[in-house]
């Protein structure tokens, strides 16, 4: 029995927009992703991945949207030095274990390869008494949801 609390922050405005999300360790990474998008005002219509590097694209490990993963040539990575996993087949506990995450460690989340909505998720708490199948839920938040297609002069990513 374990659940995890992550603080998900918009990289362009980490103090102005964040969400705390609690999710059971047995839940797939796709459930975490869908909860993030709903909580911050983004749709589900674009490619995305979770990674390990602050430079996002340079992440040596990526957890990709299932449809993108399935379209990879021979199911392999796009670059020689990266390892790619199907986010639908990866649980939160798998990510914690595989990346050896401790409290205060973070992973990155990139949504929409054209617009590049960049977020990062900090592991804030390991909740051993919570059920591993706990559905994801936003438990605390700051800031209004984003406008997915804002005018350039109002886009927080370019301020």
N, C-alpha and C. Protein backbone atom coordinates (compact mmCIF):
# COMPACT_ATOMS: atom_id res chain seq x y z
N UNK A 1 0.84 -1.19 0.00
CA UNK A 1 0.00 0.00 0.00
C UNK A 1 0.88 1.25 0.00
N UNK A 2 0.85 1.96 -1.10
CA UNK A 2 1.60 3.22 -1.16
C UNK A 2 1.01 4.13 -2.21
N UNK A 3 0.89 5.39 -1.86
CA UNK A 3 0.53 6.43 -2.81
C UNK A 3 1.60 7.51 -2.71
N UNK A 4 1.60 8.39 -3.69
CA UNK A 4 2.62 9.42 -3.77
C UNK A 4 1.96 10.77 -4.01
N UNK A 5 2.56 11.80 -3.41
CA UNK A 5 2.11 13.16 -3.66
C UNK A 5 3.19 13.89 -4.44
N UNK A 6 2.78 14.42 -5.59
CA UNK A 6 3.67 15.21 -6.43
C UNK A 6 3.17 16.64 -6.47
N UNK A 7 4.09 17.57 -6.50
CA UNK A 7 3.75 18.97 -6.80
C UNK A 7 4.17 19.20 -8.25
N UNK A 8 3.18 19.47 -9.09
CA UNK A 8 3.40 19.68 -10.52
C UNK A 8 3.38 21.18 -10.76
N UNK A 9 4.48 21.69 -11.35
CA UNK A 9 4.62 23.13 -11.57
C UNK A 9 4.81 23.43 -13.05
N UNK A 10 4.21 24.52 -13.49
CA UNK A 10 4.47 25.03 -14.82
C UNK A 10 5.87 25.62 -14.81
N UNK A 11 6.75 25.12 -15.67
CA UNK A 11 8.15 25.55 -15.65
C UNK A 11 8.28 27.05 -15.88
N UNK A 12 7.43 27.63 -16.70
CA UNK A 12 7.51 29.06 -17.00
C UNK A 12 7.03 29.93 -15.85
N UNK A 13 6.25 29.38 -14.93
CA UNK A 13 5.71 30.16 -13.81
C UNK A 13 5.54 29.23 -12.60
N UNK A 14 6.63 28.68 -12.06
CA UNK A 14 6.52 27.67 -11.01
C UNK A 14 5.92 28.16 -9.70
N UNK A 15 6.00 29.44 -9.42
CA UNK A 15 5.39 29.96 -8.19
C UNK A 15 3.95 30.38 -8.40
N UNK A 16 3.57 30.61 -9.65
CA UNK A 16 2.23 31.08 -9.95
C UNK A 16 1.23 30.00 -10.30
N UNK A 17 1.72 28.86 -10.82
CA UNK A 17 0.82 27.78 -11.21
C UNK A 17 1.41 26.44 -10.80
N UNK A 18 0.75 25.81 -9.85
CA UNK A 18 1.13 24.46 -9.44
C UNK A 18 -0.09 23.71 -8.92
N UNK A 19 0.04 22.38 -8.94
CA UNK A 19 -1.00 21.49 -8.44
C UNK A 19 -0.35 20.36 -7.65
N UNK A 20 -0.91 20.04 -6.48
CA UNK A 20 -0.51 18.84 -5.75
C UNK A 20 -1.43 17.71 -6.19
N UNK A 21 -0.84 16.62 -6.60
CA UNK A 21 -1.62 15.46 -7.06
C UNK A 21 -1.17 14.24 -6.27
N UNK A 22 -2.13 13.55 -5.67
CA UNK A 22 -1.87 12.29 -4.97
C UNK A 22 -2.37 11.18 -5.87
N UNK A 23 -1.54 10.14 -6.01
CA UNK A 23 -1.87 9.02 -6.90
C UNK A 23 -1.28 7.74 -6.33
N UNK A 24 -2.05 6.66 -6.43
CA UNK A 24 -1.59 5.36 -5.97
C UNK A 24 -0.47 4.81 -6.85
N UNK A 25 0.43 4.09 -6.22
CA UNK A 25 1.59 3.54 -6.93
C UNK A 25 1.25 2.56 -8.04
N UNK A 26 0.08 1.91 -7.96
CA UNK A 26 -0.31 0.95 -8.99
C UNK A 26 -0.99 1.60 -10.19
N UNK A 27 -1.21 2.89 -10.15
CA UNK A 27 -1.87 3.59 -11.26
C UNK A 27 -0.89 3.82 -12.40
N UNK A 28 -1.38 3.75 -13.64
CA UNK A 28 -0.47 3.97 -14.78
C UNK A 28 -0.11 5.45 -14.91
N UNK A 29 1.03 5.67 -15.51
CA UNK A 29 1.51 7.03 -15.74
C UNK A 29 0.54 7.83 -16.61
N UNK A 30 -0.23 7.15 -17.46
CA UNK A 30 -1.22 7.84 -18.28
C UNK A 30 -2.30 8.50 -17.41
N UNK A 31 -2.64 7.89 -16.27
CA UNK A 31 -3.64 8.48 -15.37
C UNK A 31 -3.08 9.76 -14.72
N UNK A 32 -1.82 9.74 -14.38
CA UNK A 32 -1.17 10.93 -13.82
C UNK A 32 -1.16 12.05 -14.86
N UNK A 33 -0.81 11.71 -16.09
CA UNK A 33 -0.75 12.70 -17.17
C UNK A 33 -2.13 13.31 -17.42
N UNK A 34 -3.16 12.49 -17.50
CA UNK A 34 -4.51 12.99 -17.75
C UNK A 34 -4.97 13.91 -16.62
N UNK A 35 -4.61 13.60 -15.40
CA UNK A 35 -4.97 14.42 -14.24
C UNK A 35 -4.26 15.77 -14.30
N UNK A 36 -2.98 15.75 -14.66
CA UNK A 36 -2.24 17.01 -14.80
C UNK A 36 -2.93 17.89 -15.83
N UNK A 37 -3.18 17.32 -17.02
CA UNK A 37 -3.77 18.13 -18.09
C UNK A 37 -5.12 18.72 -17.69
N UNK A 38 -5.96 17.91 -17.10
CA UNK A 38 -7.27 18.40 -16.68
C UNK A 38 -7.12 19.51 -15.64
N UNK A 39 -6.18 19.33 -14.72
CA UNK A 39 -6.00 20.29 -13.62
C UNK A 39 -5.43 21.63 -14.08
N UNK A 40 -4.67 21.61 -15.18
CA UNK A 40 -4.05 22.87 -15.63
C UNK A 40 -4.70 23.44 -16.87
N UNK A 41 -5.72 22.78 -17.40
CA UNK A 41 -6.47 23.35 -18.52
C UNK A 41 -6.02 22.96 -19.91
N UNK A 42 -5.32 21.86 -20.04
CA UNK A 42 -4.86 21.39 -21.35
C UNK A 42 -5.69 20.21 -21.82
N UNK A 43 -5.83 20.08 -23.15
CA UNK A 43 -6.58 18.95 -23.69
C UNK A 43 -5.68 17.71 -23.78
N UNK A 44 -6.15 16.67 -24.42
CA UNK A 44 -5.40 15.42 -24.55
C UNK A 44 -4.98 15.15 -26.00
N UNK A 45 -5.01 16.16 -26.85
CA UNK A 45 -4.89 15.94 -28.29
C UNK A 45 -3.48 16.01 -28.85
N UNK A 46 -2.46 16.02 -28.01
CA UNK A 46 -1.10 16.17 -28.50
C UNK A 46 -0.19 15.08 -27.94
N UNK A 47 0.99 14.97 -28.54
CA UNK A 47 2.00 14.05 -28.04
C UNK A 47 2.59 14.60 -26.75
N UNK A 48 3.13 13.69 -25.94
CA UNK A 48 3.72 14.08 -24.67
C UNK A 48 4.66 13.00 -24.17
N UNK A 49 5.51 13.37 -23.23
CA UNK A 49 6.33 12.39 -22.52
C UNK A 49 6.72 12.93 -21.16
N UNK A 50 7.05 12.00 -20.26
CA UNK A 50 7.71 12.31 -19.01
C UNK A 50 9.16 11.94 -19.19
N UNK A 51 10.05 12.72 -18.61
CA UNK A 51 11.47 12.47 -18.73
C UNK A 51 12.20 12.73 -17.44
N UNK A 52 13.52 12.71 -17.53
CA UNK A 52 14.35 12.84 -16.34
C UNK A 52 15.27 14.04 -16.36
N UNK A 53 15.32 14.76 -17.46
CA UNK A 53 16.31 15.81 -17.60
C UNK A 53 15.66 17.19 -17.56
N UNK A 54 16.33 18.13 -16.94
CA UNK A 54 15.82 19.50 -16.90
C UNK A 54 15.77 20.11 -18.29
N UNK A 55 16.52 19.55 -19.24
CA UNK A 55 16.50 20.03 -20.61
C UNK A 55 15.41 19.31 -21.43
N UNK A 56 14.56 18.55 -20.78
CA UNK A 56 13.42 17.85 -21.37
C UNK A 56 13.82 16.97 -22.55
N UNK A 57 14.10 17.55 -23.70
CA UNK A 57 14.39 16.76 -24.91
C UNK A 57 15.63 15.89 -24.75
N UNK A 58 16.52 16.25 -23.85
CA UNK A 58 17.75 15.50 -23.65
C UNK A 58 17.60 14.36 -22.64
N UNK A 59 16.42 14.11 -22.16
CA UNK A 59 16.20 13.07 -21.17
C UNK A 59 16.66 11.71 -21.68
N UNK A 60 17.51 11.03 -20.94
CA UNK A 60 17.95 9.70 -21.38
C UNK A 60 16.87 8.63 -21.20
N UNK A 61 15.86 8.93 -20.38
CA UNK A 61 14.73 8.01 -20.17
C UNK A 61 13.46 8.81 -20.45
N UNK A 62 12.57 8.23 -21.28
CA UNK A 62 11.31 8.88 -21.58
C UNK A 62 10.17 7.88 -21.44
N UNK A 63 9.06 8.38 -20.91
CA UNK A 63 7.82 7.62 -20.80
C UNK A 63 6.83 8.30 -21.72
N UNK A 64 6.54 7.69 -22.87
CA UNK A 64 5.78 8.34 -23.92
C UNK A 64 4.32 7.97 -23.95
N UNK A 65 3.56 8.89 -24.53
CA UNK A 65 2.15 8.63 -24.83
C UNK A 65 2.08 7.31 -25.58
N UNK A 66 1.14 6.43 -25.21
CA UNK A 66 1.08 5.09 -25.82
C UNK A 66 1.04 5.11 -27.35
N UNK A 67 0.27 6.01 -27.94
CA UNK A 67 0.15 6.04 -29.39
C UNK A 67 1.48 6.38 -30.05
N UNK A 68 2.26 7.23 -29.44
CA UNK A 68 3.58 7.55 -29.99
C UNK A 68 4.53 6.38 -29.81
N UNK A 69 4.50 5.79 -28.63
CA UNK A 69 5.37 4.65 -28.36
C UNK A 69 5.12 3.52 -29.36
N UNK A 70 3.86 3.25 -29.63
CA UNK A 70 3.51 2.16 -30.55
C UNK A 70 3.91 2.47 -31.98
N UNK A 71 4.08 3.74 -32.33
CA UNK A 71 4.49 4.13 -33.68
C UNK A 71 6.00 4.19 -33.87
N UNK A 72 6.76 3.95 -32.80
CA UNK A 72 8.21 3.99 -32.93
C UNK A 72 8.68 2.87 -33.87
N UNK A 73 9.70 3.15 -34.68
CA UNK A 73 10.22 2.09 -35.54
C UNK A 73 10.73 0.93 -34.68
N UNK A 74 10.20 -0.22 -34.92
CA UNK A 74 10.53 -1.44 -34.19
C UNK A 74 10.42 -1.29 -32.68
N UNK A 75 9.60 -0.35 -32.22
CA UNK A 75 9.39 -0.18 -30.79
C UNK A 75 10.59 0.37 -30.05
N UNK A 76 11.56 0.94 -30.77
CA UNK A 76 12.78 1.42 -30.13
C UNK A 76 12.81 2.92 -29.95
N UNK A 77 13.85 3.42 -29.30
CA UNK A 77 13.98 4.86 -29.06
C UNK A 77 14.29 5.63 -30.34
N UNK A 78 14.03 6.92 -30.30
CA UNK A 78 14.31 7.79 -31.44
C UNK A 78 15.79 8.19 -31.49
N UNK A 79 16.45 8.23 -30.36
CA UNK A 79 17.88 8.55 -30.31
C UNK A 79 18.62 7.35 -29.75
N UNK A 80 19.87 7.23 -30.12
CA UNK A 80 20.65 6.06 -29.70
C UNK A 80 20.87 5.97 -28.20
N UNK A 81 20.92 7.10 -27.54
CA UNK A 81 21.28 7.08 -26.13
C UNK A 81 20.10 7.24 -25.18
N UNK A 82 18.88 6.98 -25.67
CA UNK A 82 17.73 7.09 -24.77
C UNK A 82 16.99 5.76 -24.66
N UNK A 83 16.34 5.60 -23.52
CA UNK A 83 15.50 4.44 -23.26
C UNK A 83 14.07 4.94 -23.20
N UNK A 84 13.17 4.27 -23.91
CA UNK A 84 11.78 4.72 -24.01
C UNK A 84 10.85 3.64 -23.48
N UNK A 85 9.84 4.07 -22.71
CA UNK A 85 8.84 3.17 -22.17
C UNK A 85 7.46 3.65 -22.57
N UNK A 86 6.53 2.73 -22.61
CA UNK A 86 5.13 3.03 -22.87
C UNK A 86 4.49 3.49 -21.56
N UNK A 87 4.00 4.73 -21.52
CA UNK A 87 3.43 5.27 -20.28
C UNK A 87 2.20 4.50 -19.82
N UNK A 88 1.48 3.87 -20.74
CA UNK A 88 0.29 3.10 -20.36
C UNK A 88 0.65 1.80 -19.65
N UNK A 89 1.85 1.32 -19.89
CA UNK A 89 2.30 0.07 -19.29
C UNK A 89 3.25 0.29 -18.12
N UNK A 90 3.37 1.53 -17.69
CA UNK A 90 4.28 1.89 -16.60
C UNK A 90 3.48 2.47 -15.45
N UNK A 91 3.63 1.91 -14.26
CA UNK A 91 2.94 2.44 -13.09
C UNK A 91 3.78 3.54 -12.44
N UNK A 92 3.14 4.28 -11.58
CA UNK A 92 3.85 5.30 -10.80
C UNK A 92 4.96 4.65 -9.98
N UNK A 93 4.67 3.51 -9.37
CA UNK A 93 5.69 2.80 -8.58
C UNK A 93 6.86 2.36 -9.47
N UNK A 94 6.58 1.95 -10.71
CA UNK A 94 7.66 1.60 -11.64
C UNK A 94 8.60 2.78 -11.85
N UNK A 95 8.02 3.97 -12.07
CA UNK A 95 8.82 5.17 -12.29
C UNK A 95 9.66 5.48 -11.05
N UNK A 96 9.04 5.44 -9.87
CA UNK A 96 9.75 5.72 -8.62
C UNK A 96 10.93 4.77 -8.46
N UNK A 97 10.69 3.49 -8.70
CA UNK A 97 11.73 2.48 -8.53
C UNK A 97 12.80 2.58 -9.61
N UNK A 98 12.38 2.62 -10.86
CA UNK A 98 13.31 2.63 -11.98
C UNK A 98 14.24 3.84 -11.94
N UNK A 99 13.69 5.00 -11.54
CA UNK A 99 14.50 6.22 -11.50
C UNK A 99 15.11 6.48 -10.12
N UNK A 100 14.82 5.59 -9.16
CA UNK A 100 15.33 5.71 -7.80
C UNK A 100 15.00 7.09 -7.21
N UNK A 101 13.73 7.48 -7.34
CA UNK A 101 13.30 8.80 -6.87
C UNK A 101 13.14 8.82 -5.36
N UNK A 102 13.61 9.88 -4.77
CA UNK A 102 13.42 10.15 -3.35
C UNK A 102 12.59 11.43 -3.23
N UNK A 103 12.09 11.68 -2.03
CA UNK A 103 11.37 12.92 -1.79
C UNK A 103 12.28 14.09 -2.19
N UNK A 104 11.73 15.05 -2.89
CA UNK A 104 12.37 16.25 -3.43
C UNK A 104 12.99 16.02 -4.81
N UNK A 105 13.03 14.79 -5.31
CA UNK A 105 13.49 14.55 -6.68
C UNK A 105 12.37 14.93 -7.64
N UNK A 106 12.74 15.16 -8.90
CA UNK A 106 11.72 15.60 -9.85
C UNK A 106 11.87 14.90 -11.19
N UNK A 107 10.74 14.86 -11.89
CA UNK A 107 10.71 14.41 -13.27
C UNK A 107 10.11 15.54 -14.10
N UNK A 108 10.37 15.52 -15.38
CA UNK A 108 9.81 16.56 -16.25
C UNK A 108 8.65 15.99 -17.05
N UNK A 109 7.78 16.87 -17.49
CA UNK A 109 6.63 16.50 -18.32
C UNK A 109 6.52 17.53 -19.43
N UNK A 110 6.57 17.07 -20.67
CA UNK A 110 6.44 17.94 -21.84
C UNK A 110 5.19 17.54 -22.59
N UNK A 111 4.30 18.51 -22.80
CA UNK A 111 3.05 18.29 -23.51
C UNK A 111 3.02 19.16 -24.75
N UNK A 112 2.68 18.58 -25.88
CA UNK A 112 2.53 19.28 -27.16
C UNK A 112 3.90 19.70 -27.68
N UNK A 113 4.44 18.88 -28.56
CA UNK A 113 5.80 19.10 -29.05
C UNK A 113 5.96 20.41 -29.82
N UNK A 114 4.88 20.96 -30.36
CA UNK A 114 4.96 22.24 -31.06
C UNK A 114 4.93 23.40 -30.09
N UNK A 115 3.96 23.41 -29.18
CA UNK A 115 3.82 24.51 -28.21
C UNK A 115 4.74 24.34 -27.01
N UNK A 116 5.14 23.12 -26.74
CA UNK A 116 6.06 22.79 -25.64
C UNK A 116 5.61 23.34 -24.29
N UNK A 117 4.48 22.83 -23.81
CA UNK A 117 4.08 23.13 -22.44
C UNK A 117 4.96 22.30 -21.53
N UNK A 118 5.81 22.96 -20.76
CA UNK A 118 6.79 22.29 -19.90
C UNK A 118 6.38 22.38 -18.43
N UNK A 119 6.38 21.23 -17.81
CA UNK A 119 6.06 21.12 -16.39
C UNK A 119 7.13 20.25 -15.73
N UNK A 120 7.21 20.33 -14.43
CA UNK A 120 7.99 19.34 -13.70
C UNK A 120 7.21 18.93 -12.46
N UNK A 121 7.42 17.70 -12.05
CA UNK A 121 6.71 17.12 -10.92
C UNK A 121 7.72 16.74 -9.85
N UNK A 122 7.60 17.36 -8.70
CA UNK A 122 8.49 17.09 -7.57
C UNK A 122 7.80 16.07 -6.66
N UNK A 123 8.50 15.00 -6.33
CA UNK A 123 7.97 14.03 -5.38
C UNK A 123 8.02 14.67 -3.99
N UNK A 124 6.85 14.94 -3.43
CA UNK A 124 6.76 15.64 -2.14
C UNK A 124 6.55 14.71 -0.95
N UNK A 125 5.90 13.56 -1.19
CA UNK A 125 5.55 12.71 -0.05
C UNK A 125 5.30 11.29 -0.52
N UNK A 126 5.78 10.33 0.27
CA UNK A 126 5.48 8.92 0.08
C UNK A 126 4.50 8.55 1.18
N UNK A 127 3.31 8.13 0.78
CA UNK A 127 2.22 7.90 1.72
C UNK A 127 1.97 6.40 1.86
N UNK A 128 2.69 5.77 2.79
CA UNK A 128 2.65 4.32 2.94
C UNK A 128 1.31 3.77 3.39
N UNK A 129 0.48 4.58 4.01
CA UNK A 129 -0.81 4.11 4.51
C UNK A 129 -1.95 4.26 3.51
N UNK A 130 -1.67 4.87 2.38
CA UNK A 130 -2.69 5.07 1.34
C UNK A 130 -2.73 3.85 0.41
N UNK A 131 -3.88 3.52 -0.14
CA UNK A 131 -3.98 2.37 -1.04
C UNK A 131 -3.23 2.61 -2.35
N UNK A 132 -2.60 1.56 -2.84
CA UNK A 132 -1.83 1.63 -4.08
C UNK A 132 -2.70 1.85 -5.31
N UNK A 133 -3.98 1.54 -5.19
CA UNK A 133 -4.88 1.73 -6.33
C UNK A 133 -5.65 3.05 -6.23
N UNK A 134 -5.22 3.93 -5.33
CA UNK A 134 -5.91 5.22 -5.16
C UNK A 134 -5.93 5.99 -6.47
N UNK A 135 -7.11 6.41 -6.92
CA UNK A 135 -7.18 7.21 -8.15
C UNK A 135 -6.49 8.55 -7.95
N UNK A 136 -5.97 9.13 -9.01
CA UNK A 136 -5.31 10.43 -8.88
C UNK A 136 -6.32 11.52 -8.50
N UNK A 137 -5.86 12.43 -7.65
CA UNK A 137 -6.72 13.54 -7.23
C UNK A 137 -5.87 14.77 -6.94
N UNK A 138 -6.37 15.91 -7.33
CA UNK A 138 -5.73 17.18 -7.00
C UNK A 138 -6.11 17.50 -5.55
N UNK A 139 -5.11 17.71 -4.70
CA UNK A 139 -5.37 17.95 -3.29
C UNK A 139 -5.07 19.37 -2.85
N UNK A 140 -4.35 20.11 -3.68
CA UNK A 140 -4.03 21.50 -3.37
C UNK A 140 -3.63 22.17 -4.68
N UNK A 141 -3.82 23.47 -4.78
CA UNK A 141 -3.48 24.12 -6.04
C UNK A 141 -3.26 25.60 -5.85
N UNK A 142 -2.54 26.17 -6.81
CA UNK A 142 -2.36 27.62 -6.86
C UNK A 142 -2.36 28.02 -8.32
N UNK A 143 -3.05 29.10 -8.63
CA UNK A 143 -3.06 29.66 -9.97
C UNK A 143 -4.19 29.16 -10.83
N UNK A 144 -4.56 30.00 -11.78
CA UNK A 144 -5.62 29.66 -12.71
C UNK A 144 -5.10 28.73 -13.79
N UNK A 145 -5.98 27.88 -14.35
CA UNK A 145 -5.56 27.05 -15.48
C UNK A 145 -5.05 27.91 -16.63
N UNK A 146 -4.21 27.32 -17.45
CA UNK A 146 -3.66 28.04 -18.60
C UNK A 146 -4.69 28.10 -19.72
N UNK A 147 -4.46 29.02 -20.64
CA UNK A 147 -5.20 29.05 -21.90
C UNK A 147 -4.29 28.34 -22.89
N UNK A 148 -4.76 27.25 -23.44
CA UNK A 148 -3.88 26.40 -24.25
C UNK A 148 -3.31 27.12 -25.46
N UNK A 149 -4.09 27.98 -26.09
CA UNK A 149 -3.61 28.70 -27.27
C UNK A 149 -3.74 30.22 -27.05
N UNK A 150 -2.94 30.78 -26.14
CA UNK A 150 -3.06 32.21 -25.86
C UNK A 150 -2.39 33.05 -26.94
N UNK A 151 -2.78 34.33 -27.04
CA UNK A 151 -2.04 35.24 -27.91
C UNK A 151 -0.58 35.31 -27.42
N UNK A 152 0.39 35.44 -28.29
CA UNK A 152 1.80 35.42 -27.87
C UNK A 152 2.14 36.42 -26.77
N UNK A 153 1.52 37.59 -26.76
CA UNK A 153 1.85 38.57 -25.74
C UNK A 153 1.26 38.23 -24.37
N UNK A 154 0.42 37.20 -24.29
CA UNK A 154 -0.16 36.77 -23.01
C UNK A 154 0.32 35.39 -22.59
N UNK A 155 1.22 34.80 -23.34
CA UNK A 155 1.69 33.44 -23.08
C UNK A 155 2.77 33.45 -21.99
N UNK A 156 2.53 32.77 -20.84
CA UNK A 156 3.51 32.79 -19.74
C UNK A 156 4.84 32.16 -20.13
N UNK A 157 4.85 31.33 -21.15
CA UNK A 157 6.11 30.68 -21.55
C UNK A 157 7.06 31.66 -22.23
N UNK A 158 6.56 32.81 -22.65
CA UNK A 158 7.38 33.77 -23.40
C UNK A 158 7.45 35.13 -22.71
N UNK A 159 7.11 35.20 -21.45
CA UNK A 159 7.14 36.47 -20.72
C UNK A 159 8.52 36.73 -20.16
